[in-house]
Amino acid sequence: MSPMPRHGREAYLLARIVEALLDSAGRNYEAFTPITMDLPEDRGIEPDYCFYIDNWAAVVGKDRIQWASEPPPDLVIEIDITSYTDAADYYPYQVPEVWLFKVGQLRLSTLTDGGYQPTTTSRYFPGVDLAALVADTLQIAAVQGSGAAIQTLRQRLG
């Protein structure tokens, strides 16, 4: 079944938020969508977006990523509207940070030795109240459109 417009809109907006934050901090990155992460001993998974932030140089210009030997994305985004995803689904890949957006709420999880732990702070954007930023951006998008929401965010970030 094809994703609903809401799914695509929310995935697009969350990815643009990440890009705006990275751009405002002057950080380079690589981003992918769609992408299938697949290890032979585990089932594959397809995040809505993934970002290489610290490890961008390891994948720049690549047509394929060898999941068993190359670094995982630093950040993945999953939008759950009609399906269920858990941060633990990314544990075999050792993704450092997982953003799940469910029922209009952003849930951040960070990788620890024992699995994923919920957190309110991103390792990549430690001084940002992401829950409020996402809520504000989605509210603007609902009234004025996605373009206006991202333009407003970029203006706020300077």
C-alpha atoms as a PDB file:
ATOM      1  CA  MET A   1       0.000   0.000   0.000  1.00  0.00           C
ATOM      2  CA  SER A   2       1.264   3.487  -0.842  1.00  0.00           C
ATOM      3  CA  PRO A   3       1.919   5.890   2.016  1.00  0.00           C
ATOM      4  CA  MET A   4      -0.749   8.491   2.725  1.00  0.00           C
ATOM      5  CA  PRO A   5      -0.122  12.194   1.976  1.00  0.00           C
ATOM      6  CA  ARG A   6       0.167  12.860   5.705  1.00  0.00           C
ATOM      7  CA  HIS A   7       3.026  10.368   5.967  1.00  0.00           C
ATOM      8  CA  GLY A   8       4.909  11.985   3.101  1.00  0.00           C
ATOM      9  CA  ARG A   9       4.305  15.509   4.385  1.00  0.00           C
ATOM     10  CA  GLU A  10       5.511  14.704   7.897  1.00  0.00           C
ATOM     11  CA  ALA A  11       8.575  12.830   6.630  1.00  0.00           C
ATOM     12  CA  TYR A  12       9.408  15.693   4.278  1.00  0.00           C
ATOM     13  CA  LEU A  13       9.035  18.307   7.026  1.00  0.00           C
ATOM     14  CA  LEU A  14      11.084  16.418   9.610  1.00  0.00           C
ATOM     15  CA  ALA A  15      13.868  15.882   7.070  1.00  0.00           C
ATOM     16  CA  ARG A  16      13.811  19.582   6.141  1.00  0.00           C
ATOM     17  CA  ILE A  17      13.993  20.469   9.843  1.00  0.00           C
ATOM     18  CA  VAL A  18      17.116  18.321  10.211  1.00  0.00           C
ATOM     19  CA  GLU A  19      18.615  19.914   7.099  1.00  0.00           C
ATOM     20  CA  ALA A  20      17.834  23.436   8.325  1.00  0.00           C
ATOM     21  CA  LEU A  21      19.429  22.711  11.700  1.00  0.00           C
ATOM     22  CA  LEU A  22      22.529  21.212  10.089  1.00  0.00           C
ATOM     23  CA  ASP A  23      22.785  24.072   7.589  1.00  0.00           C
ATOM     24  CA  SER A  24      22.452  26.688  10.327  1.00  0.00           C
ATOM     25  CA  ALA A  25      25.290  25.006  12.215  1.00  0.00           C
ATOM     26  CA  GLY A  26      27.425  24.838   9.058  1.00  0.00           C
ATOM     27  CA  ARG A  27      27.586  21.025   9.207  1.00  0.00           C
ATOM     28  CA  ASN A  28      27.984  18.816   6.173  1.00  0.00           C
ATOM     29  CA  TYR A  29      25.893  15.667   5.771  1.00  0.00           C
ATOM     30  CA  GLU A  30      24.612  13.025   3.384  1.00  0.00           C
ATOM     31  CA  ALA A  31      20.914  12.151   3.362  1.00  0.00           C
ATOM     32  CA  PHE A  32      19.044   9.273   1.765  1.00  0.00           C
ATOM     33  CA  THR A  33      15.464   8.337   1.016  1.00  0.00           C
ATOM     34  CA  PRO A  34      14.326   5.743   0.223  1.00  0.00           C
ATOM     35  CA  ILE A  35      16.965   3.314   1.385  1.00  0.00           C
ATOM     36  CA  THR A  36      16.794  -0.283   2.529  1.00  0.00           C
ATOM     37  CA  MET A  37      19.109  -1.259   5.334  1.00  0.00           C
ATOM     38  CA  ASP A  38      19.693  -5.005   5.153  1.00  0.00           C
ATOM     39  CA  LEU A  39      21.963  -7.359   7.067  1.00  0.00           C
ATOM     40  CA  PRO A  40      22.001 -11.042   6.067  1.00  0.00           C
ATOM     41  CA  GLU A  41      21.235 -12.267   9.593  1.00  0.00           C
ATOM     42  CA  ASP A  42      18.481  -9.691  10.253  1.00  0.00           C
ATOM     43  CA  ARG A  43      15.404  -8.520   8.430  1.00  0.00           C
ATOM     44  CA  GLY A  44      15.754  -5.359   6.411  1.00  0.00           C
ATOM     45  CA  ILE A  45      14.333  -2.028   7.456  1.00  0.00           C
ATOM     46  CA  GLU A  46      13.494   1.086   5.470  1.00  0.00           C
ATOM     47  CA  PRO A  47      13.666   4.366   7.349  1.00  0.00           C
ATOM     48  CA  ASP A  48      11.740   7.259   5.859  1.00  0.00           C
ATOM     49  CA  TYR A  49      14.938   9.330   5.895  1.00  0.00           C
ATOM     50  CA  CYS A  50      18.442   8.733   7.093  1.00  0.00           C
ATOM     51  CA  PHE A  51      21.248  11.185   7.693  1.00  0.00           C
ATOM     52  CA  TYR A  52      24.967  10.671   7.875  1.00  0.00           C
ATOM     53  CA  ILE A  53      26.232  13.567   9.970  1.00  0.00           C
ATOM     54  CA  ASP A  54      29.440  12.539  11.719  1.00  0.00           C
ATOM     55  CA  ASN A  55      30.082   9.817   9.132  1.00  0.00           C
ATOM     56  CA  TRP A  56      29.091  11.658   5.954  1.00  0.00           C
ATOM     57  CA  ALA A  57      32.539  11.219   4.387  1.00  0.00           C
ATOM     58  CA  ALA A  58      32.234   7.416   4.630  1.00  0.00           C
ATOM     59  CA  VAL A  59      29.282   7.348   2.219  1.00  0.00           C
ATOM     60  CA  VAL A  60      29.658  10.404   0.035  1.00  0.00           C
ATOM     61  CA  GLY A  61      29.353   9.429  -3.633  1.00  0.00           C
ATOM     62  CA  LYS A  62      28.536   5.780  -2.918  1.00  0.00           C
ATOM     63  CA  ASP A  63      25.932   3.892  -4.913  1.00  0.00           C
ATOM     64  CA  ARG A  64      25.727   1.069  -2.357  1.00  0.00           C
ATOM     65  CA  ILE A  65      26.385   0.809   1.350  1.00  0.00           C
ATOM     66  CA  GLN A  66      27.735  -2.398   2.834  1.00  0.00           C
ATOM     67  CA  TRP A  67      25.761  -2.490   6.091  1.00  0.00           C
ATOM     68  CA  ALA A  68      27.991  -5.141   7.673  1.00  0.00           C
ATOM     69  CA  SER A  69      31.236  -3.190   7.216  1.00  0.00           C
ATOM     70  CA  GLU A  70      30.399   0.499   6.749  1.00  0.00           C
ATOM     71  CA  PRO A  71      29.033   2.900   9.358  1.00  0.00           C
ATOM     72  CA  PRO A  72      25.280   3.131   9.834  1.00  0.00           C
ATOM     73  CA  PRO A  73      23.411   6.390   9.411  1.00  0.00           C
ATOM     74  CA  ASP A  74      23.877   8.700  12.378  1.00  0.00           C
ATOM     75  CA  LEU A  75      20.178   9.580  12.458  1.00  0.00           C
ATOM     76  CA  VAL A  76      17.079   7.909  11.058  1.00  0.00           C
ATOM     77  CA  ILE A  77      13.554   9.278  10.866  1.00  0.00           C
ATOM     78  CA  GLU A  78      10.469   7.061  10.937  1.00  0.00           C
ATOM     79  CA  ILE A  79       6.923   8.314  10.512  1.00  0.00           C
ATOM     80  CA  ASP A  80       4.340   5.901  11.920  1.00  0.00           C
ATOM     81  CA  ILE A  81       0.777   6.504  10.860  1.00  0.00           C
ATOM     82  CA  THR A  82      -0.592   3.088   9.952  1.00  0.00           C
ATOM     83  CA  SER A  83       2.340   0.849  10.911  1.00  0.00           C
ATOM     84  CA  TYR A  84       4.382   0.250  14.022  1.00  0.00           C
ATOM     85  CA  THR A  85       8.121   0.831  14.275  1.00  0.00           C
ATOM     86  CA  ASP A  86      10.232   0.675  17.398  1.00  0.00           C
ATOM     87  CA  ALA A  87      13.682   2.185  17.879  1.00  0.00           C
ATOM     88  CA  ALA A  88      14.867  -1.323  18.807  1.00  0.00           C
ATOM     89  CA  ASP A  89      14.303  -2.325  15.167  1.00  0.00           C
ATOM     90  CA  TYR A  90      17.476  -0.343  14.395  1.00  0.00           C
ATOM     91  CA  TYR A  91      19.632  -2.016  17.044  1.00  0.00           C
ATOM     92  CA  PRO A  92      21.230  -4.560  14.648  1.00  0.00           C
ATOM     93  CA  TYR A  93      22.453  -1.591  12.604  1.00  0.00           C
ATOM     94  CA  GLN A  94      23.684   0.411  15.610  1.00  0.00           C
ATOM     95  CA  VAL A  95      22.123   3.684  14.449  1.00  0.00           C
ATOM     96  CA  PRO A  96      23.122   6.265  17.096  1.00  0.00           C
ATOM     97  CA  GLU A  97      19.848   8.233  17.070  1.00  0.00           C
ATOM     98  CA  VAL A  98      16.303   7.334  16.016  1.00  0.00           C
ATOM     99  CA  TRP A  99      13.449   9.795  15.611  1.00  0.00           C
ATOM    100  CA  LEU A 100       9.982   8.251  15.649  1.00  0.00           C
ATOM    101  CA  PHE A 101       7.061  10.499  14.831  1.00  0.00           C
ATOM    102  CA  LYS A 102       3.828   8.940  16.071  1.00  0.00           C
ATOM    103  CA  VAL A 103       0.432  10.476  16.635  1.00  0.00           C
ATOM    104  CA  GLY A 104       1.805  13.965  16.090  1.00  0.00           C
ATOM    105  CA  GLN A 105       4.559  13.550  18.652  1.00  0.00           C
ATOM    106  CA  LEU A 106       8.324  13.293  18.203  1.00  0.00           C
ATOM    107  CA  ARG A 107      10.027  10.555  20.201  1.00  0.00           C
ATOM    108  CA  LEU A 108      13.811  10.549  20.311  1.00  0.00           C
ATOM    109  CA  SER A 109      15.877   7.494  21.195  1.00  0.00           C
ATOM    110  CA  THR A 110      19.615   7.227  21.596  1.00  0.00           C
ATOM    111  CA  LEU A 111      21.751   4.119  21.333  1.00  0.00           C
ATOM    112  CA  THR A 112      23.314   2.799  24.536  1.00  0.00           C
ATOM    113  CA  ASP A 113      25.201  -0.400  25.321  1.00  0.00           C
ATOM    114  CA  GLY A 114      21.961  -2.210  26.142  1.00  0.00           C
ATOM    115  CA  GLY A 115      19.703  -0.851  23.407  1.00  0.00           C
ATOM    116  CA  TYR A 116      17.827   2.384  22.874  1.00  0.00           C
ATOM    117  CA  GLN A 117      16.837   4.794  25.598  1.00  0.00           C
ATOM    118  CA  PRO A 118      14.216   7.518  25.213  1.00  0.00           C
ATOM    119  CA  THR A 119      15.645  11.008  25.451  1.00  0.00           C
ATOM    120  CA  THR A 120      14.454  14.580  25.054  1.00  0.00           C
ATOM    121  CA  THR A 121      17.777  15.848  23.694  1.00  0.00           C
ATOM    122  CA  SER A 122      19.407  15.062  20.370  1.00  0.00           C
ATOM    123  CA  ARG A 123      23.114  14.299  20.362  1.00  0.00           C
ATOM    124  CA  TYR A 124      23.331  16.260  17.099  1.00  0.00           C
ATOM    125  CA  PHE A 125      21.254  19.262  18.215  1.00  0.00           C
ATOM    126  CA  PRO A 126      21.805  19.403  21.993  1.00  0.00           C
ATOM    127  CA  GLY A 127      20.628  22.966  22.567  1.00  0.00           C
ATOM    128  CA  VAL A 128      17.405  22.641  20.583  1.00  0.00           C
ATOM    129  CA  ASP A 129      13.958  21.894  21.984  1.00  0.00           C
ATOM    130  CA  LEU A 130      13.100  19.574  19.095  1.00  0.00           C
ATOM    131  CA  ALA A 131       9.621  18.692  20.308  1.00  0.00           C
ATOM    132  CA  ALA A 132       8.593  22.364  20.309  1.00  0.00           C
ATOM    133  CA  LEU A 133      10.420  23.125  17.066  1.00  0.00           C
ATOM    134  CA  VAL A 134       8.729  20.224  15.262  1.00  0.00           C
ATOM    135  CA  ALA A 135       5.307  21.096  16.689  1.00  0.00           C
ATOM    136  CA  ASP A 136       5.670  24.754  15.663  1.00  0.00           C
ATOM    137  CA  THR A 137       6.858  23.873  12.164  1.00  0.00           C
ATOM    138  CA  LEU A 138       4.041  21.374  11.625  1.00  0.00           C
ATOM    139  CA  GLN A 139       1.480  23.892  12.880  1.00  0.00           C
ATOM    140  CA  ILE A 140       2.700  26.533  10.430  1.00  0.00           C
ATOM    141  CA  ALA A 141       2.699  23.945   7.631  1.00  0.00           C
ATOM    142  CA  ALA A 142      -0.907  22.983   8.420  1.00  0.00           C
ATOM    143  CA  VAL A 143      -2.049  26.579   7.944  1.00  0.00           C
ATOM    144  CA  GLN A 144       0.410  28.158   5.508  1.00  0.00           C
ATOM    145  CA  GLY A 145       1.989  25.173   3.695  1.00  0.00           C
ATOM    146  CA  SER A 146       5.246  23.279   3.930  1.00  0.00           C
ATOM    147  CA  GLY A 147       7.293  25.870   2.052  1.00  0.00           C
ATOM    148  CA  ALA A 148       6.238  28.684   4.373  1.00  0.00           C
ATOM    149  CA  ALA A 149       6.918  26.516   7.422  1.00  0.00           C
ATOM    150  CA  ILE A 150      10.484  25.749   6.356  1.00  0.00           C
ATOM    151  CA  GLN A 151      11.125  29.367   5.336  1.00  0.00           C
ATOM    152  CA  THR A 152       9.934  30.499   8.779  1.00  0.00           C
ATOM    153  CA  LEU A 153      12.178  27.923  10.454  1.00  0.00           C
ATOM    154  CA  ARG A 154      15.223  29.004   8.435  1.00  0.00           C
ATOM    155  CA  GLN A 155      14.555  32.647   9.345  1.00  0.00           C
ATOM    156  CA  ARG A 156      14.320  31.718  13.036  1.00  0.00           C
ATOM    157  CA  LEU A 157      17.613  29.841  12.851  1.00  0.00           C
ATOM    158  CA  GLY A 158      19.322  32.790  11.167  1.00  0.00           C
END
